[in-house]
Amino acid sequence: MDVDRESIIEIDRTLSAPGATPSELPADAQEGIPATASPPASSNEVHSINLLLGAIVIGAQANVQWLRSSQPDLEAAQRTSARLLAQIQNLCEMVDGLRSGQT
């Protein structure tokens, strides 16, 4: 996914809102986030995982931008890192649920 610096920062701010989810991103921001069709029973879970993976990629790109800036924003990078850790934990729980047959 190739997104310009301003878009990454705006997406990161959108996802920083309490309770925000990747599905709340504008449609153009979701372009690079893989979507799934709806055939199997677990398509909602697969779609959620794809959105979460896209959000993690965007968060990682945002962190690079926060840290590469001429005046690095360490607080923003820390917030983004904390959110990334929570998203990764959520992703692990989703995958574990799918593995064990829980939905």
N, C-alpha and C. Protein backbone atom coordinates (compact mmCIF):
# COMPACT_ATOMS: atom_id res chain seq x y z
N MET A 1 0.85 -1.16 0.00
CA MET A 1 0.00 0.00 0.00
C MET A 1 0.90 1.23 0.00
N ASP A 2 0.70 2.10 -0.95
CA ASP A 2 1.51 3.30 -1.07
C ASP A 2 0.62 4.51 -0.82
N VAL A 3 0.83 5.17 0.31
CA VAL A 3 0.00 6.29 0.70
C VAL A 3 0.92 7.46 1.02
N ASP A 4 0.52 8.68 0.64
CA ASP A 4 1.38 9.83 0.92
C ASP A 4 1.37 10.18 2.40
N ARG A 5 2.36 10.96 2.81
CA ARG A 5 2.59 11.29 4.22
C ARG A 5 1.36 11.90 4.88
N GLU A 6 0.72 12.87 4.23
CA GLU A 6 -0.44 13.54 4.81
C GLU A 6 -1.59 12.56 5.03
N SER A 7 -1.78 11.67 4.06
CA SER A 7 -2.85 10.68 4.19
C SER A 7 -2.58 9.74 5.35
N ILE A 8 -1.34 9.31 5.49
CA ILE A 8 -0.98 8.42 6.59
C ILE A 8 -1.26 9.08 7.93
N ILE A 9 -0.87 10.35 8.05
CA ILE A 9 -1.07 11.06 9.31
C ILE A 9 -2.56 11.25 9.58
N GLU A 10 -3.34 11.58 8.57
CA GLU A 10 -4.78 11.75 8.74
C GLU A 10 -5.45 10.43 9.12
N ILE A 11 -5.06 9.36 8.46
CA ILE A 11 -5.61 8.04 8.78
C ILE A 11 -5.24 7.66 10.21
N ASP A 12 -4.00 7.92 10.59
CA ASP A 12 -3.57 7.60 11.95
C ASP A 12 -4.38 8.39 12.98
N ARG A 13 -4.64 9.66 12.70
CA ARG A 13 -5.46 10.46 13.62
C ARG A 13 -6.89 9.93 13.69
N THR A 14 -7.43 9.50 12.57
CA THR A 14 -8.78 8.93 12.55
C THR A 14 -8.83 7.68 13.41
N LEU A 15 -7.82 6.82 13.25
CA LEU A 15 -7.80 5.58 14.01
C LEU A 15 -7.45 5.80 15.48
N SER A 16 -6.93 6.98 15.82
CA SER A 16 -6.59 7.28 17.20
C SER A 16 -7.81 7.59 18.05
N ALA A 17 -8.92 7.91 17.42
CA ALA A 17 -10.13 8.24 18.17
C ALA A 17 -10.56 7.03 19.00
N PRO A 18 -11.03 7.27 20.22
CA PRO A 18 -11.46 6.16 21.06
C PRO A 18 -12.51 5.30 20.36
N GLY A 19 -12.27 3.99 20.32
CA GLY A 19 -13.22 3.05 19.72
C GLY A 19 -13.23 3.04 18.21
N ALA A 20 -12.30 3.74 17.58
CA ALA A 20 -12.28 3.80 16.11
C ALA A 20 -11.90 2.45 15.53
N THR A 21 -12.47 2.14 14.38
CA THR A 21 -12.16 0.91 13.68
C THR A 21 -11.78 1.24 12.24
N PRO A 22 -11.04 0.34 11.58
CA PRO A 22 -10.64 0.62 10.20
C PRO A 22 -11.82 0.86 9.27
N SER A 23 -12.99 0.30 9.56
CA SER A 23 -14.14 0.49 8.68
C SER A 23 -14.65 1.92 8.71
N GLU A 24 -14.20 2.73 9.68
CA GLU A 24 -14.60 4.13 9.76
C GLU A 24 -13.74 5.03 8.87
N LEU A 25 -12.72 4.46 8.25
CA LEU A 25 -11.88 5.24 7.36
C LEU A 25 -12.65 5.61 6.10
N PRO A 26 -12.31 6.75 5.48
CA PRO A 26 -12.94 7.08 4.20
C PRO A 26 -12.65 5.98 3.18
N ALA A 27 -13.52 5.85 2.20
CA ALA A 27 -13.40 4.78 1.21
C ALA A 27 -12.04 4.80 0.51
N ASP A 28 -11.52 6.00 0.18
CA ASP A 28 -10.23 6.05 -0.51
C ASP A 28 -9.09 5.58 0.38
N ALA A 29 -9.22 5.71 1.70
CA ALA A 29 -8.20 5.23 2.61
C ALA A 29 -8.25 3.72 2.75
N GLN A 30 -9.40 3.13 2.45
CA GLN A 30 -9.54 1.68 2.54
C GLN A 30 -9.13 0.98 1.25
N GLU A 31 -8.78 1.75 0.21
CA GLU A 31 -8.44 1.18 -1.09
C GLU A 31 -7.42 0.06 -1.01
N GLY A 32 -6.35 0.25 -0.26
CA GLY A 32 -5.29 -0.74 -0.19
C GLY A 32 -5.55 -1.82 0.84
N ILE A 33 -6.64 -1.70 1.59
CA ILE A 33 -6.95 -2.71 2.59
C ILE A 33 -7.73 -3.81 1.90
N PRO A 34 -7.19 -5.03 1.91
CA PRO A 34 -7.87 -6.11 1.20
C PRO A 34 -9.28 -6.33 1.72
N ALA A 35 -10.21 -6.55 0.81
CA ALA A 35 -11.58 -6.86 1.19
C ALA A 35 -11.90 -8.27 0.72
N THR A 36 -12.92 -8.86 1.33
CA THR A 36 -13.29 -10.22 0.94
C THR A 36 -14.70 -10.22 0.41
N ALA A 37 -14.99 -11.19 -0.43
CA ALA A 37 -16.37 -11.42 -0.85
C ALA A 37 -17.05 -12.12 0.32
N SER A 38 -18.29 -12.50 0.17
CA SER A 38 -19.00 -13.07 1.30
C SER A 38 -19.37 -14.55 1.14
N PRO A 39 -18.51 -15.41 0.59
CA PRO A 39 -18.97 -16.78 0.47
C PRO A 39 -19.02 -17.57 1.78
N PRO A 40 -17.89 -17.90 2.43
CA PRO A 40 -17.94 -18.82 3.56
C PRO A 40 -18.57 -18.21 4.81
N ALA A 41 -18.86 -19.06 5.76
CA ALA A 41 -19.51 -18.63 7.00
C ALA A 41 -18.66 -17.64 7.78
N SER A 42 -17.36 -17.73 7.68
CA SER A 42 -16.48 -16.86 8.46
C SER A 42 -16.04 -15.62 7.67
N SER A 43 -16.80 -15.23 6.65
CA SER A 43 -16.37 -14.09 5.83
C SER A 43 -16.30 -12.80 6.63
N ASN A 44 -17.18 -12.62 7.61
CA ASN A 44 -17.11 -11.42 8.45
C ASN A 44 -15.81 -11.37 9.23
N GLU A 45 -15.41 -12.53 9.77
CA GLU A 45 -14.15 -12.58 10.52
C GLU A 45 -12.96 -12.34 9.61
N VAL A 46 -12.98 -12.92 8.43
CA VAL A 46 -11.89 -12.73 7.47
C VAL A 46 -11.82 -11.26 7.06
N HIS A 47 -12.97 -10.66 6.82
CA HIS A 47 -13.00 -9.24 6.46
C HIS A 47 -12.45 -8.39 7.61
N SER A 48 -12.85 -8.70 8.84
CA SER A 48 -12.35 -7.97 10.01
C SER A 48 -10.84 -8.11 10.13
N ILE A 49 -10.33 -9.30 9.89
CA ILE A 49 -8.88 -9.52 9.94
C ILE A 49 -8.18 -8.71 8.86
N ASN A 50 -8.72 -8.71 7.65
CA ASN A 50 -8.12 -7.92 6.57
C ASN A 50 -8.11 -6.43 6.90
N LEU A 51 -9.20 -5.92 7.45
CA LEU A 51 -9.25 -4.51 7.83
C LEU A 51 -8.23 -4.21 8.92
N LEU A 52 -8.13 -5.11 9.89
CA LEU A 52 -7.18 -4.91 10.98
C LEU A 52 -5.75 -4.94 10.47
N LEU A 53 -5.45 -5.86 9.57
CA LEU A 53 -4.11 -5.90 8.97
C LEU A 53 -3.81 -4.60 8.23
N GLY A 54 -4.79 -4.09 7.50
CA GLY A 54 -4.60 -2.81 6.80
C GLY A 54 -4.34 -1.67 7.78
N ALA A 55 -5.07 -1.67 8.89
CA ALA A 55 -4.87 -0.63 9.91
C ALA A 55 -3.47 -0.74 10.53
N ILE A 56 -3.00 -1.96 10.72
CA ILE A 56 -1.66 -2.16 11.27
C ILE A 56 -0.60 -1.64 10.30
N VAL A 57 -0.78 -1.92 9.02
CA VAL A 57 0.16 -1.41 8.01
C VAL A 57 0.17 0.12 8.02
N ILE A 58 -1.01 0.71 8.06
CA ILE A 58 -1.11 2.17 8.08
C ILE A 58 -0.46 2.73 9.34
N GLY A 59 -0.69 2.09 10.48
CA GLY A 59 -0.07 2.53 11.74
C GLY A 59 1.44 2.45 11.69
N ALA A 60 1.96 1.38 11.11
CA ALA A 60 3.41 1.25 10.99
C ALA A 60 3.98 2.34 10.08
N GLN A 61 3.27 2.61 8.97
CA GLN A 61 3.71 3.70 8.07
C GLN A 61 3.64 5.04 8.79
N ALA A 62 2.61 5.25 9.58
CA ALA A 62 2.49 6.50 10.33
C ALA A 62 3.66 6.65 11.30
N ASN A 63 4.03 5.56 11.98
CA ASN A 63 5.15 5.63 12.91
C ASN A 63 6.43 6.03 12.21
N VAL A 64 6.65 5.48 11.03
CA VAL A 64 7.84 5.85 10.26
C VAL A 64 7.80 7.36 9.98
N GLN A 65 6.64 7.86 9.59
CA GLN A 65 6.52 9.30 9.31
C GLN A 65 6.73 10.15 10.56
N TRP A 66 6.14 9.71 11.69
CA TRP A 66 6.32 10.47 12.94
C TRP A 66 7.80 10.56 13.29
N LEU A 67 8.54 9.47 13.09
CA LEU A 67 9.94 9.42 13.50
C LEU A 67 10.90 10.02 12.49
N ARG A 68 10.54 10.02 11.20
CA ARG A 68 11.41 10.57 10.15
C ARG A 68 11.25 12.07 9.98
N SER A 69 10.24 12.65 10.58
CA SER A 69 9.98 14.08 10.43
C SER A 69 11.19 14.89 10.88
N SER A 70 11.32 16.09 10.35
CA SER A 70 12.43 16.96 10.77
C SER A 70 12.35 17.26 12.26
N GLN A 71 11.12 17.23 12.79
CA GLN A 71 10.92 17.34 14.25
C GLN A 71 10.08 16.13 14.66
N PRO A 72 10.74 15.01 14.96
CA PRO A 72 10.00 13.78 15.27
C PRO A 72 8.99 13.99 16.39
N ASP A 73 7.81 13.43 16.19
CA ASP A 73 6.75 13.52 17.19
C ASP A 73 6.73 12.21 17.97
N LEU A 74 7.51 12.17 19.04
CA LEU A 74 7.65 10.94 19.81
C LEU A 74 6.37 10.56 20.54
N GLU A 75 5.60 11.54 20.98
CA GLU A 75 4.33 11.23 21.65
C GLU A 75 3.36 10.57 20.68
N ALA A 76 3.27 11.07 19.46
CA ALA A 76 2.40 10.46 18.46
C ALA A 76 2.88 9.05 18.14
N ALA A 77 4.19 8.87 18.03
CA ALA A 77 4.74 7.55 17.74
C ALA A 77 4.44 6.58 18.89
N GLN A 78 4.51 7.06 20.12
CA GLN A 78 4.19 6.20 21.26
C GLN A 78 2.71 5.82 21.27
N ARG A 79 1.83 6.78 20.99
CA ARG A 79 0.40 6.48 20.92
C ARG A 79 0.11 5.47 19.81
N THR A 80 0.73 5.70 18.67
CA THR A 80 0.52 4.79 17.54
C THR A 80 1.06 3.41 17.88
N SER A 81 2.21 3.34 18.51
CA SER A 81 2.78 2.05 18.90
C SER A 81 1.89 1.31 19.89
N ALA A 82 1.33 2.03 20.84
CA ALA A 82 0.42 1.40 21.81
C ALA A 82 -0.82 0.86 21.09
N ARG A 83 -1.35 1.64 20.15
CA ARG A 83 -2.51 1.20 19.39
C ARG A 83 -2.16 -0.01 18.53
N LEU A 84 -0.97 0.00 17.93
CA LEU A 84 -0.54 -1.14 17.12
C LEU A 84 -0.46 -2.41 17.96
N LEU A 85 0.10 -2.29 19.15
CA LEU A 85 0.18 -3.46 20.03
C LEU A 85 -1.21 -4.00 20.36
N ALA A 86 -2.15 -3.10 20.63
CA ALA A 86 -3.53 -3.53 20.93
C ALA A 86 -4.16 -4.18 19.70
N GLN A 87 -3.91 -3.62 18.52
CA GLN A 87 -4.46 -4.18 17.28
C GLN A 87 -3.87 -5.56 17.00
N ILE A 88 -2.58 -5.71 17.24
CA ILE A 88 -1.93 -7.00 17.02
C ILE A 88 -2.48 -8.03 18.00
N GLN A 89 -2.68 -7.63 19.25
CA GLN A 89 -3.27 -8.55 20.24
C GLN A 89 -4.68 -8.95 19.80
N ASN A 90 -5.46 -8.00 19.33
CA ASN A 90 -6.81 -8.27 18.84
C ASN A 90 -6.75 -9.23 17.66
N LEU A 91 -5.82 -9.01 16.76
CA LEU A 91 -5.65 -9.89 15.61
C LEU A 91 -5.30 -11.31 16.05
N CYS A 92 -4.39 -11.44 16.99
CA CYS A 92 -4.02 -12.76 17.51
C CYS A 92 -5.24 -13.47 18.11
N GLU A 93 -6.06 -12.73 18.84
CA GLU A 93 -7.27 -13.32 19.43
C GLU A 93 -8.25 -13.77 18.35
N MET A 94 -8.39 -12.96 17.29
CA MET A 94 -9.28 -13.35 16.19
C MET A 94 -8.80 -14.64 15.53
N VAL A 95 -7.51 -14.69 15.25
CA VAL A 95 -6.95 -15.88 14.59
C VAL A 95 -7.08 -17.10 15.50
N ASP A 96 -6.79 -16.94 16.79
CA ASP A 96 -6.95 -18.05 17.73
C ASP A 96 -8.40 -18.53 17.77
N GLY A 97 -9.35 -17.58 17.73
CA GLY A 97 -10.76 -17.94 17.71
C GLY A 97 -11.13 -18.73 16.47
N LEU A 98 -10.60 -18.32 15.33
CA LEU A 98 -10.88 -19.04 14.09
C LEU A 98 -10.26 -20.44 14.11
N ARG A 99 -9.06 -20.53 14.66
CA ARG A 99 -8.38 -21.83 14.75
C ARG A 99 -9.17 -22.81 15.63
N SER A 100 -9.73 -22.30 16.71
CA SER A 100 -10.43 -23.16 17.64
C SER A 100 -11.89 -23.39 17.23
N GLY A 101 -12.30 -22.75 16.13
CA GLY A 101 -13.65 -22.94 15.64
C GLY A 101 -14.66 -22.01 16.26
N GLN A 102 -14.20 -21.05 17.08
CA GLN A 102 -15.11 -20.08 17.69
C GLN A 102 -15.22 -18.89 16.76
N THR A 103 -16.42 -18.29 16.75
CA THR A 103 -16.59 -17.08 15.95
C THR A 103 -17.24 -16.01 16.76
